[in-house]
Amino acid sequence: MRNSVNRPPTPDAVEHQEKEPTLQEIINIKLIESGEKERLMELLRERLVECGWKDDMKALCRAFVKKKGRSNVTVDDLVHVITPKGRASIPDSVKAELLQRIRAFLVQAAI
């Protein structure tokens, strides 16, 4: 059977089956639907500003751009270099607070 030039071949029946959402996907959906995800994101932003993390990341970005030259740096370069440092430097107290809030949400939502 030949494939049409204008459309891809019909997928096999196995590929068409709906998969069950994972627990992580279910939790993410509940967080979004309840508006809790946005509240958690805002809390995270506030805590990162309070502890100086945001200023530290801004300084790292500026230092990287200064070292490489403004015209030699892309946003992708910055993201690639700064992301691991940024994730590693988030204070444990901020992580613990967010984890506690997520656990409380899960208990309240009975997931």
PDB file of N, CA and C in Angstrom:
ATOM      1  N   MET A   1       0.836  -1.178   0.000  1.00  0.00           N
ATOM      2  CA  MET A   1       0.000   0.000   0.000  1.00  0.00           C
ATOM      3  C   MET A   1       0.880   1.239   0.000  1.00  0.00           C
ATOM      4  N   ARG A   2       0.612   2.179  -0.856  1.00  0.00           N
ATOM      5  CA  ARG A   2       1.401   3.398  -0.956  1.00  0.00           C
ATOM      6  C   ARG A   2       0.878   4.458  -0.004  1.00  0.00           C
ATOM      7  N   ASN A   3       1.808   5.246   0.515  1.00  0.00           N
ATOM      8  CA  ASN A   3       1.432   6.369   1.371  1.00  0.00           C
ATOM      9  C   ASN A   3       1.066   7.559   0.508  1.00  0.00           C
ATOM     10  N   SER A   4       0.118   8.308   0.960  1.00  0.00           N
ATOM     11  CA  SER A   4      -0.268   9.517   0.251  1.00  0.00           C
ATOM     12  C   SER A   4       0.846  10.553   0.369  1.00  0.00           C
ATOM     13  N   VAL A   5       1.021  11.322  -0.661  1.00  0.00           N
ATOM     14  CA  VAL A   5       2.014  12.386  -0.648  1.00  0.00           C
ATOM     15  C   VAL A   5       1.572  13.496   0.302  1.00  0.00           C
ATOM     16  N   ASN A   6       0.274  13.672   0.450  1.00  0.00           N
ATOM     17  CA  ASN A   6      -0.260  14.785   1.216  1.00  0.00           C
ATOM     18  C   ASN A   6      -0.486  14.500   2.692  1.00  0.00           C
ATOM     19  N   ARG A   7      -0.435  13.238   3.099  1.00  0.00           N
ATOM     20  CA  ARG A   7      -0.647  12.944   4.520  1.00  0.00           C
ATOM     21  C   ARG A   7       0.187  11.732   4.918  1.00  0.00           C
ATOM     22  N   PRO A   8       0.521  11.675   6.199  1.00  0.00           N
ATOM     23  CA  PRO A   8       1.350  10.558   6.667  1.00  0.00           C
ATOM     24  C   PRO A   8       0.552   9.266   6.681  1.00  0.00           C
ATOM     25  N   PRO A   9       1.228   8.137   6.756  1.00  0.00           N
ATOM     26  CA  PRO A   9       0.520   6.867   6.815  1.00  0.00           C
ATOM     27  C   PRO A   9      -0.307   6.765   8.090  1.00  0.00           C
ATOM     28  N   THR A  10      -1.350   5.978   8.044  1.00  0.00           N
ATOM     29  CA  THR A  10      -2.207   5.773   9.202  1.00  0.00           C
ATOM     30  C   THR A  10      -1.424   5.023  10.275  1.00  0.00           C
ATOM     31  N   PRO A  11      -1.434   5.524  11.516  1.00  0.00           N
ATOM     32  CA  PRO A  11      -0.683   4.851  12.570  1.00  0.00           C
ATOM     33  C   PRO A  11      -1.307   3.497  12.911  1.00  0.00           C
ATOM     34  N   ASP A  12      -0.483   2.624  13.431  1.00  0.00           N
ATOM     35  CA  ASP A  12      -0.981   1.315  13.857  1.00  0.00           C
ATOM     36  C   ASP A  12      -1.966   1.479  14.996  1.00  0.00           C
ATOM     37  N   ALA A  13      -2.805   0.491  15.201  1.00  0.00           N
ATOM     38  CA  ALA A  13      -3.813   0.535  16.260  1.00  0.00           C
ATOM     39  C   ALA A  13      -3.159   0.621  17.631  1.00  0.00           C
ATOM     40  N   VAL A  14      -1.997   0.024  17.798  1.00  0.00           N
ATOM     41  CA  VAL A  14      -1.308   0.046  19.085  1.00  0.00           C
ATOM     42  C   VAL A  14      -0.919   1.474  19.459  1.00  0.00           C
ATOM     43  N   GLU A  15      -0.491   2.258  18.495  1.00  0.00           N
ATOM     44  CA  GLU A  15      -0.101   3.637  18.756  1.00  0.00           C
ATOM     45  C   GLU A  15      -1.297   4.515  19.095  1.00  0.00           C
ATOM     46  N   HIS A  16      -2.465   4.100  18.715  1.00  0.00           N
ATOM     47  CA  HIS A  16      -3.670   4.893  18.902  1.00  0.00           C
ATOM     48  C   HIS A  16      -4.283   4.752  20.291  1.00  0.00           C
ATOM     49  N   GLN A  17      -3.886   3.743  21.036  1.00  0.00           N
ATOM     50  CA  GLN A  17      -4.473   3.506  22.343  1.00  0.00           C
ATOM     51  C   GLN A  17      -4.136   4.652  23.284  1.00  0.00           C
ATOM     52  N   GLU A  18      -5.118   5.040  24.088  1.00  0.00           N
ATOM     53  CA  GLU A  18      -4.916   6.088  25.072  1.00  0.00           C
ATOM     54  C   GLU A  18      -4.132   5.519  26.241  1.00  0.00           C
ATOM     55  N   LYS A  19      -3.130   6.250  26.690  1.00  0.00           N
ATOM     56  CA  LYS A  19      -2.359   5.780  27.831  1.00  0.00           C
ATOM     57  C   LYS A  19      -2.886   6.423  29.100  1.00  0.00           C
ATOM     58  N   GLU A  20      -2.710   5.723  30.204  1.00  0.00           N
ATOM     59  CA  GLU A  20      -3.135   6.231  31.500  1.00  0.00           C
ATOM     60  C   GLU A  20      -2.167   7.329  31.947  1.00  0.00           C
ATOM     61  N   PRO A  21      -2.689   8.419  32.515  1.00  0.00           N
ATOM     62  CA  PRO A  21      -1.782   9.459  32.995  1.00  0.00           C
ATOM     63  C   PRO A  21      -1.003   8.957  34.212  1.00  0.00           C
ATOM     64  N   THR A  22       0.235   9.397  34.328  1.00  0.00           N
ATOM     65  CA  THR A  22       1.055   9.021  35.472  1.00  0.00           C
ATOM     66  C   THR A  22       0.605   9.810  36.694  1.00  0.00           C
ATOM     67  N   LEU A  23       1.065   9.380  37.863  1.00  0.00           N
ATOM     68  CA  LEU A  23       0.733  10.096  39.089  1.00  0.00           C
ATOM     69  C   LEU A  23       1.245  11.532  39.018  1.00  0.00           C
ATOM     70  N   GLN A  24       2.427  11.711  38.467  1.00  0.00           N
ATOM     71  CA  GLN A  24       2.991  13.049  38.328  1.00  0.00           C
ATOM     72  C   GLN A  24       2.095  13.918  37.442  1.00  0.00           C
ATOM     73  N   GLU A  25       1.589  13.358  36.356  1.00  0.00           N
ATOM     74  CA  GLU A  25       0.702  14.116  35.462  1.00  0.00           C
ATOM     75  C   GLU A  25      -0.616  14.451  36.167  1.00  0.00           C
ATOM     76  N   ILE A  26      -1.135  13.524  36.932  1.00  0.00           N
ATOM     77  CA  ILE A  26      -2.386  13.768  37.666  1.00  0.00           C
ATOM     78  C   ILE A  26      -2.194  14.892  38.679  1.00  0.00           C
ATOM     79  N   ILE A  27      -1.080  14.845  39.423  1.00  0.00           N
ATOM     80  CA  ILE A  27      -0.798  15.887  40.406  1.00  0.00           C
ATOM     81  C   ILE A  27      -0.654  17.233  39.723  1.00  0.00           C
ATOM     82  N   ASN A  28       0.064  17.271  38.609  1.00  0.00           N
ATOM     83  CA  ASN A  28       0.245  18.524  37.879  1.00  0.00           C
ATOM     84  C   ASN A  28      -1.095  19.090  37.417  1.00  0.00           C
ATOM     85  N   ILE A  29      -1.966  18.242  36.930  1.00  0.00           N
ATOM     86  CA  ILE A  29      -3.294  18.685  36.486  1.00  0.00           C
ATOM     87  C   ILE A  29      -4.073  19.281  37.657  1.00  0.00           C
ATOM     88  N   LYS A  30      -4.053  18.595  38.801  1.00  0.00           N
ATOM     89  CA  LYS A  30      -4.772  19.085  39.986  1.00  0.00           C
ATOM     90  C   LYS A  30      -4.202  20.423  40.466  1.00  0.00           C
ATOM     91  N   LEU A  31      -2.870  20.547  40.441  1.00  0.00           N
ATOM     92  CA  LEU A  31      -2.242  21.807  40.849  1.00  0.00           C
ATOM     93  C   LEU A  31      -2.679  22.953  39.935  1.00  0.00           C
ATOM     94  N   ILE A  32      -2.720  22.696  38.646  1.00  0.00           N
ATOM     95  CA  ILE A  32      -3.117  23.732  37.687  1.00  0.00           C
ATOM     96  C   ILE A  32      -4.595  24.077  37.845  1.00  0.00           C
ATOM     97  N   GLU A  33      -5.445  23.053  37.908  1.00  0.00           N
ATOM     98  CA  GLU A  33      -6.890  23.284  38.003  1.00  0.00           C
ATOM     99  C   GLU A  33      -7.269  24.071  39.250  1.00  0.00           C
ATOM    100  N   SER A  34      -6.579  23.818  40.354  1.00  0.00           N
ATOM    101  CA  SER A  34      -6.913  24.477  41.612  1.00  0.00           C
ATOM    102  C   SER A  34      -6.305  25.870  41.723  1.00  0.00           C
ATOM    103  N   GLY A  35      -5.355  26.179  40.850  1.00  0.00           N
ATOM    104  CA  GLY A  35      -4.661  27.456  40.935  1.00  0.00           C
ATOM    105  C   GLY A  35      -3.483  27.413  41.897  1.00  0.00           C
ATOM    106  N   GLU A  36      -3.262  26.266  42.528  1.00  0.00           N
ATOM    107  CA  GLU A  36      -2.177  26.136  43.498  1.00  0.00           C
ATOM    108  C   GLU A  36      -0.809  26.235  42.834  1.00  0.00           C
ATOM    109  N   LYS A  37      -0.692  25.765  41.602  1.00  0.00           N
ATOM    110  CA  LYS A  37       0.601  25.834  40.913  1.00  0.00           C
ATOM    111  C   LYS A  37       1.052  27.277  40.761  1.00  0.00           C
ATOM    112  N   GLU A  38       0.155  28.153  40.383  1.00  0.00           N
ATOM    113  CA  GLU A  38       0.499  29.568  40.229  1.00  0.00           C
ATOM    114  C   GLU A  38       0.855  30.180  41.579  1.00  0.00           C
ATOM    115  N   ARG A  39       0.141  29.813  42.639  1.00  0.00           N
ATOM    116  CA  ARG A  39       0.473  30.320  43.973  1.00  0.00           C
ATOM    117  C   ARG A  39       1.853  29.840  44.413  1.00  0.00           C
ATOM    118  N   LEU A  40       2.177  28.585  44.122  1.00  0.00           N
ATOM    119  CA  LEU A  40       3.496  28.046  44.459  1.00  0.00           C
ATOM    120  C   LEU A  40       4.593  28.747  43.661  1.00  0.00           C
ATOM    121  N   MET A  41       4.330  29.019  42.395  1.00  0.00           N
ATOM    122  CA  MET A  41       5.306  29.715  41.571  1.00  0.00           C
ATOM    123  C   MET A  41       5.558  31.131  42.111  1.00  0.00           C
ATOM    124  N   GLU A  42       4.513  31.793  42.539  1.00  0.00           N
ATOM    125  CA  GLU A  42       4.659  33.139  43.099  1.00  0.00           C
ATOM    126  C   GLU A  42       5.428  33.089  44.416  1.00  0.00           C
ATOM    127  N   LEU A  43       5.146  32.109  45.258  1.00  0.00           N
ATOM    128  CA  LEU A  43       5.886  31.932  46.504  1.00  0.00           C
ATOM    129  C   LEU A  43       7.368  31.698  46.212  1.00  0.00           C
ATOM    130  N   LEU A  44       7.654  30.850  45.233  1.00  0.00           N
ATOM    131  CA  LEU A  44       9.036  30.577  44.851  1.00  0.00           C
ATOM    132  C   LEU A  44       9.731  31.856  44.392  1.00  0.00           C
ATOM    133  N   ARG A  45       9.071  32.629  43.551  1.00  0.00           N
ATOM    134  CA  ARG A  45       9.655  33.895  43.088  1.00  0.00           C
ATOM    135  C   ARG A  45       9.990  34.806  44.271  1.00  0.00           C
ATOM    136  N   GLU A  46       9.034  34.937  45.192  1.00  0.00           N
ATOM    137  CA  GLU A  46       9.238  35.797  46.362  1.00  0.00           C
ATOM    138  C   GLU A  46      10.425  35.332  47.194  1.00  0.00           C
ATOM    139  N   ARG A  47      10.478  34.028  47.471  1.00  0.00           N
ATOM    140  CA  ARG A  47      11.555  33.489  48.314  1.00  0.00           C
ATOM    141  C   ARG A  47      12.922  33.644  47.645  1.00  0.00           C
ATOM    142  N   LEU A  48      12.985  33.460  46.332  1.00  0.00           N
ATOM    143  CA  LEU A  48      14.254  33.586  45.626  1.00  0.00           C
ATOM    144  C   LEU A  48      14.744  35.032  45.601  1.00  0.00           C
ATOM    145  N   VAL A  49      13.827  35.969  45.528  1.00  0.00           N
ATOM    146  CA  VAL A  49      14.205  37.379  45.592  1.00  0.00           C
ATOM    147  C   VAL A  49      14.676  37.716  47.012  1.00  0.00           C
ATOM    148  N   GLU A  50      13.912  37.247  48.018  1.00  0.00           N
ATOM    149  CA  GLU A  50      14.245  37.531  49.416  1.00  0.00           C
ATOM    150  C   GLU A  50      15.641  37.047  49.799  1.00  0.00           C
ATOM    151  N   CYS A  51      16.024  35.876  49.322  1.00  0.00           N
ATOM    152  CA  CYS A  51      17.309  35.300  49.730  1.00  0.00           C
ATOM    153  C   CYS A  51      18.469  35.774  48.850  1.00  0.00           C
ATOM    154  N   GLY A  52      18.190  36.591  47.834  1.00  0.00           N
ATOM    155  CA  GLY A  52      19.248  37.128  46.998  1.00  0.00           C
ATOM    156  C   GLY A  52      19.633  36.241  45.827  1.00  0.00           C
ATOM    157  N   TRP A  53      18.943  35.141  45.649  1.00  0.00           N
ATOM    158  CA  TRP A  53      19.249  34.201  44.567  1.00  0.00           C
ATOM    159  C   TRP A  53      19.120  34.867  43.204  1.00  0.00           C
ATOM    160  N   LYS A  54      18.067  35.634  43.032  1.00  0.00           N
ATOM    161  CA  LYS A  54      17.833  36.280  41.736  1.00  0.00           C
ATOM    162  C   LYS A  54      18.977  37.239  41.401  1.00  0.00           C
ATOM    163  N   ASP A  55      19.424  38.000  42.375  1.00  0.00           N
ATOM    164  CA  ASP A  55      20.538  38.920  42.145  1.00  0.00           C
ATOM    165  C   ASP A  55      21.825  38.160  41.825  1.00  0.00           C
ATOM    166  N   ASP A  56      22.033  37.031  42.489  1.00  0.00           N
ATOM    167  CA  ASP A  56      23.209  36.198  42.212  1.00  0.00           C
ATOM    168  C   ASP A  56      23.192  35.691  40.771  1.00  0.00           C
ATOM    169  N   MET A  57      22.031  35.242  40.322  1.00  0.00           N
ATOM    170  CA  MET A  57      21.917  34.727  38.953  1.00  0.00           C
ATOM    171  C   MET A  57      22.129  35.842  37.934  1.00  0.00           C
ATOM    172  N   LYS A  58      21.596  37.019  38.246  1.00  0.00           N
ATOM    173  CA  LYS A  58      21.784  38.164  37.355  1.00  0.00           C
ATOM    174  C   LYS A  58      23.268  38.505  37.251  1.00  0.00           C
ATOM    175  N   ALA A  59      23.977  38.460  38.393  1.00  0.00           N
ATOM    176  CA  ALA A  59      25.415  38.756  38.394  1.00  0.00           C
ATOM    177  C   ALA A  59      26.191  37.706  37.598  1.00  0.00           C
ATOM    178  N   LEU A  60      25.807  36.438  37.729  1.00  0.00           N
ATOM    179  CA  LEU A  60      26.455  35.378  36.950  1.00  0.00           C
ATOM    180  C   LEU A  60      26.254  35.603  35.450  1.00  0.00           C
ATOM    181  N   CYS A  61      25.061  35.977  35.070  1.00  0.00           N
ATOM    182  CA  CYS A  61      24.770  36.235  33.653  1.00  0.00           C
ATOM    183  C   CYS A  61      25.609  37.395  33.141  1.00  0.00           C
ATOM    184  N   ARG A  62      25.663  38.459  33.908  1.00  0.00           N
ATOM    185  CA  ARG A  62      26.441  39.623  33.479  1.00  0.00           C
ATOM    186  C   ARG A  62      27.917  39.277  33.356  1.00  0.00           C
ATOM    187  N   ALA A  63      28.435  38.497  34.305  1.00  0.00           N
ATOM    188  CA  ALA A  63      29.842  38.114  34.253  1.00  0.00           C
ATOM    189  C   ALA A  63      30.128  37.247  33.029  1.00  0.00           C
ATOM    190  N   PHE A  64      29.217  36.335  32.722  1.00  0.00           N
ATOM    191  CA  PHE A  64      29.391  35.466  31.560  1.00  0.00           C
ATOM    192  C   PHE A  64      29.382  36.280  30.271  1.00  0.00           C
ATOM    193  N   VAL A  65      28.448  37.221  30.162  1.00  0.00           N
ATOM    194  CA  VAL A  65      28.349  38.063  28.965  1.00  0.00           C
ATOM    195  C   VAL A  65      29.601  38.934  28.836  1.00  0.00           C
ATOM    196  N   LYS A  66      30.059  39.471  29.948  1.00  0.00           N
ATOM    197  CA  LYS A  66      31.261  40.309  29.922  1.00  0.00           C
ATOM    198  C   LYS A  66      32.478  39.494  29.483  1.00  0.00           C
ATOM    199  N   LYS A  67      32.585  38.260  29.969  1.00  0.00           N
ATOM    200  CA  LYS A  67      33.711  37.392  29.633  1.00  0.00           C
ATOM    201  C   LYS A  67      33.708  37.013  28.150  1.00  0.00           C
ATOM    202  N   LYS A  68      32.538  36.648  27.616  1.00  0.00           N
ATOM    203  CA  LYS A  68      32.434  36.180  26.232  1.00  0.00           C
ATOM    204  C   LYS A  68      32.272  37.303  25.218  1.00  0.00           C
ATOM    205  N   GLY A  69      31.798  38.436  25.671  1.00  0.00           N
ATOM    206  CA  GLY A  69      31.509  39.531  24.746  1.00  0.00           C
ATOM    207  C   GLY A  69      30.037  39.511  24.369  1.00  0.00           C
ATOM    208  N   ARG A  70      29.433  40.670  24.426  1.00  0.00           N
ATOM    209  CA  ARG A  70      27.979  40.785  24.216  1.00  0.00           C
ATOM    210  C   ARG A  70      27.509  40.177  22.896  1.00  0.00           C
ATOM    211  N   SER A  71      28.262  40.365  21.848  1.00  0.00           N
ATOM    212  CA  SER A  71      27.840  39.884  20.533  1.00  0.00           C
ATOM    213  C   SER A  71      28.110  38.390  20.331  1.00  0.00           C
ATOM    214  N   ASN A  72      28.820  37.772  21.270  1.00  0.00           N
ATOM    215  CA  ASN A  72      29.157  36.351  21.142  1.00  0.00           C
ATOM    216  C   ASN A  72      28.311  35.442  22.026  1.00  0.00           C
ATOM    217  N   VAL A  73      27.283  35.979  22.666  1.00  0.00           N
ATOM    218  CA  VAL A  73      26.465  35.201  23.597  1.00  0.00           C
ATOM    219  C   VAL A  73      25.018  35.189  23.138  1.00  0.00           C
ATOM    220  N   THR A  74      24.422  33.998  23.154  1.00  0.00           N
ATOM    221  CA  THR A  74      22.984  33.874  22.871  1.00  0.00           C
ATOM    222  C   THR A  74      22.254  33.531  24.167  1.00  0.00           C
ATOM    223  N   VAL A  75      20.959  33.660  24.130  1.00  0.00           N
ATOM    224  CA  VAL A  75      20.148  33.282  25.288  1.00  0.00           C
ATOM    225  C   VAL A  75      20.351  31.797  25.592  1.00  0.00           C
ATOM    226  N   ASP A  76      20.428  30.973  24.559  1.00  0.00           N
ATOM    227  CA  ASP A  76      20.658  29.544  24.769  1.00  0.00           C
ATOM    228  C   ASP A  76      21.983  29.291  25.480  1.00  0.00           C
ATOM    229  N   ASP A  77      23.009  30.050  25.141  1.00  0.00           N
ATOM    230  CA  ASP A  77      24.300  29.927  25.832  1.00  0.00           C
ATOM    231  C   ASP A  77      24.135  30.218  27.324  1.00  0.00           C
ATOM    232  N   LEU A  78      23.450  31.319  27.616  1.00  0.00           N
ATOM    233  CA  LEU A  78      23.224  31.696  29.013  1.00  0.00           C
ATOM    234  C   LEU A  78      22.459  30.611  29.767  1.00  0.00           C
ATOM    235  N   VAL A  79      21.396  30.130  29.174  1.00  0.00           N
ATOM    236  CA  VAL A  79      20.584  29.101  29.815  1.00  0.00           C
ATOM    237  C   VAL A  79      21.423  27.853  30.073  1.00  0.00           C
ATOM    238  N   HIS A  80      22.219  27.460  29.096  1.00  0.00           N
ATOM    239  CA  HIS A  80      23.038  26.249  29.213  1.00  0.00           C
ATOM    240  C   HIS A  80      24.051  26.370  30.357  1.00  0.00           C
ATOM    241  N   VAL A  81      24.650  27.546  30.508  1.00  0.00           N
ATOM    242  CA  VAL A  81      25.678  27.746  31.526  1.00  0.00           C
ATOM    243  C   VAL A  81      25.078  28.008  32.906  1.00  0.00           C
ATOM    244  N   ILE A  82      24.027  28.805  32.974  1.00  0.00           N
ATOM    245  CA  ILE A  82      23.498  29.274  34.253  1.00  0.00           C
ATOM    246  C   ILE A  82      22.534  28.283  34.914  1.00  0.00           C
ATOM    247  N   THR A  83      21.782  27.512  34.139  1.00  0.00           N
ATOM    248  CA  THR A  83      20.777  26.612  34.711  1.00  0.00           C
ATOM    249  C   THR A  83      21.332  25.653  35.761  1.00  0.00           C
ATOM    250  N   PRO A  84      22.410  24.924  35.490  1.00  0.00           N
ATOM    251  CA  PRO A  84      22.918  24.017  36.538  1.00  0.00           C
ATOM    252  C   PRO A  84      23.344  24.753  37.812  1.00  0.00           C
ATOM    253  N   LYS A  85      23.969  25.905  37.643  1.00  0.00           N
ATOM    254  CA  LYS A  85      24.396  26.693  38.804  1.00  0.00           C
ATOM    255  C   LYS A  85      23.178  27.215  39.570  1.00  0.00           C
ATOM    256  N   GLY A  86      22.183  27.648  38.836  1.00  0.00           N
ATOM    257  CA  GLY A  86      20.975  28.176  39.464  1.00  0.00           C
ATOM    258  C   GLY A  86      20.229  27.125  40.258  1.00  0.00           C
ATOM    259  N   ARG A  87      20.071  25.953  39.681  1.00  0.00           N
ATOM    260  CA  ARG A  87      19.365  24.873  40.379  1.00  0.00           C
ATOM    261  C   ARG A  87      20.111  24.436  41.627  1.00  0.00           C
ATOM    262  N   ALA A  88      21.428  24.363  41.516  1.00  0.00           N
ATOM    263  CA  ALA A  88      22.239  23.904  42.646  1.00  0.00           C
ATOM    264  C   ALA A  88      22.281  24.928  43.776  1.00  0.00           C
ATOM    265  N   SER A  89      22.045  26.194  43.460  1.00  0.00           N
ATOM    266  CA  SER A  89      22.186  27.229  44.484  1.00  0.00           C
ATOM    267  C   SER A  89      20.876  27.647  45.147  1.00  0.00           C
ATOM    268  N   ILE A  90      19.780  26.993  44.823  1.00  0.00           N
ATOM    269  CA  ILE A  90      18.515  27.302  45.500  1.00  0.00           C
ATOM    270  C   ILE A  90      18.642  26.840  46.947  1.00  0.00           C
ATOM    271  N   PRO A  91      18.380  27.721  47.900  1.00  0.00           N
ATOM    272  CA  PRO A  91      18.538  27.356  49.309  1.00  0.00           C
ATOM    273  C   PRO A  91      17.635  26.179  49.707  1.00  0.00           C
ATOM    274  N   ASP A  92      18.177  25.324  50.568  1.00  0.00           N
ATOM    275  CA  ASP A  92      17.413  24.168  51.039  1.00  0.00           C
ATOM    276  C   ASP A  92      16.143  24.583  51.762  1.00  0.00           C
ATOM    277  N   SER A  93      16.169  25.721  52.438  1.00  0.00           N
ATOM    278  CA  SER A  93      14.979  26.186  53.156  1.00  0.00           C
ATOM    279  C   SER A  93      13.835  26.490  52.187  1.00  0.00           C
ATOM    280  N   VAL A  94      14.164  27.017  51.020  1.00  0.00           N
ATOM    281  CA  VAL A  94      13.141  27.312  50.006  1.00  0.00           C
ATOM    282  C   VAL A  94      12.571  26.009  49.457  1.00  0.00           C
ATOM    283  N   LYS A  95      13.451  25.060  49.167  1.00  0.00           N
ATOM    284  CA  LYS A  95      12.999  23.755  48.675  1.00  0.00           C
ATOM    285  C   LYS A  95      12.097  23.079  49.697  1.00  0.00           C
ATOM    286  N   ALA A  96      12.500  23.121  50.972  1.00  0.00           N
ATOM    287  CA  ALA A  96      11.721  22.475  52.036  1.00  0.00           C
ATOM    288  C   ALA A  96      10.344  23.112  52.184  1.00  0.00           C
ATOM    289  N   GLU A  97      10.299  24.443  52.101  1.00  0.00           N
ATOM    290  CA  GLU A  97       9.011  25.127  52.223  1.00  0.00           C
ATOM    291  C   GLU A  97       8.078  24.745  51.078  1.00  0.00           C
ATOM    292  N   LEU A  98       8.596  24.719  49.865  1.00  0.00           N
ATOM    293  CA  LEU A  98       7.766  24.338  48.725  1.00  0.00           C
ATOM    294  C   LEU A  98       7.303  22.887  48.839  1.00  0.00           C
ATOM    295  N   LEU A  99       8.192  22.013  49.238  1.00  0.00           N
ATOM    296  CA  LEU A  99       7.829  20.603  49.397  1.00  0.00           C
ATOM    297  C   LEU A  99       6.733  20.445  50.443  1.00  0.00           C
ATOM    298  N   GLN A 100       6.842  21.165  51.538  1.00  0.00           N
ATOM    299  CA  GLN A 100       5.824  21.104  52.590  1.00  0.00           C
ATOM    300  C   GLN A 100       4.477  21.590  52.064  1.00  0.00           C
ATOM    301  N   ARG A 101       4.491  22.662  51.279  1.00  0.00           N
ATOM    302  CA  ARG A 101       3.242  23.184  50.711  1.00  0.00           C
ATOM    303  C   ARG A 101       2.630  22.199  49.715  1.00  0.00           C
ATOM    304  N   ILE A 102       3.464  21.545  48.923  1.00  0.00           N
ATOM    305  CA  ILE A 102       2.958  20.554  47.965  1.00  0.00           C
ATOM    306  C   ILE A 102       2.360  19.366  48.710  1.00  0.00           C
ATOM    307  N   ARG A 103       3.045  18.904  49.741  1.00  0.00           N
ATOM    308  CA  ARG A 103       2.507  17.780  50.540  1.00  0.00           C
ATOM    309  C   ARG A 103       1.176  18.135  51.172  1.00  0.00           C
ATOM    310  N   ALA A 104       1.073  19.349  51.718  1.00  0.00           N
ATOM    311  CA  ALA A 104      -0.187  19.794  52.318  1.00  0.00           C
ATOM    312  C   ALA A 104      -1.297  19.822  51.267  1.00  0.00           C
ATOM    313  N   PHE A 105      -0.977  20.272  50.067  1.00  0.00           N
ATOM    314  CA  PHE A 105      -1.961  20.301  48.990  1.00  0.00           C
ATOM    315  C   PHE A 105      -2.422  18.887  48.659  1.00  0.00           C
ATOM    316  N   LEU A 106      -1.474  17.951  48.578  1.00  0.00           N
ATOM    317  CA  LEU A 106      -1.823  16.577  48.227  1.00  0.00           C
ATOM    318  C   LEU A 106      -2.712  15.938  49.290  1.00  0.00           C
ATOM    319  N   VAL A 107      -2.425  16.233  50.549  1.00  0.00           N
ATOM    320  CA  VAL A 107      -3.274  15.699  51.630  1.00  0.00           C
ATOM    321  C   VAL A 107      -4.669  16.299  51.531  1.00  0.00           C
ATOM    322  N   GLN A 108      -4.737  17.597  51.326  1.00  0.00           N
ATOM    323  CA  GLN A 108      -6.029  18.294  51.232  1.00  0.00           C
ATOM    324  C   GLN A 108      -6.819  17.806  50.017  1.00  0.00           C
ATOM    325  N   ALA A 109      -6.121  17.552  48.893  1.00  0.00           N
ATOM    326  CA  ALA A 109      -6.779  17.121  47.665  1.00  0.00           C
ATOM    327  C   ALA A 109      -7.041  15.617  47.663  1.00  0.00           C
ATOM    328  N   ALA A 110      -6.531  14.904  48.669  1.00  0.00           N
ATOM    329  CA  ALA A 110      -6.711  13.458  48.811  1.00  0.00           C
ATOM    330  C   ALA A 110      -6.218  12.698  47.583  1.00  0.00           C
ATOM    331  N   ILE A 111      -5.021  13.023  47.175  1.00  0.00           N
ATOM    332  CA  ILE A 111      -4.419  12.315  46.030  1.00  0.00           C
ATOM    333  C   ILE A 111      -3.546  11.207  46.551  1.00  0.00           C
TER     334      ILE A 111
END
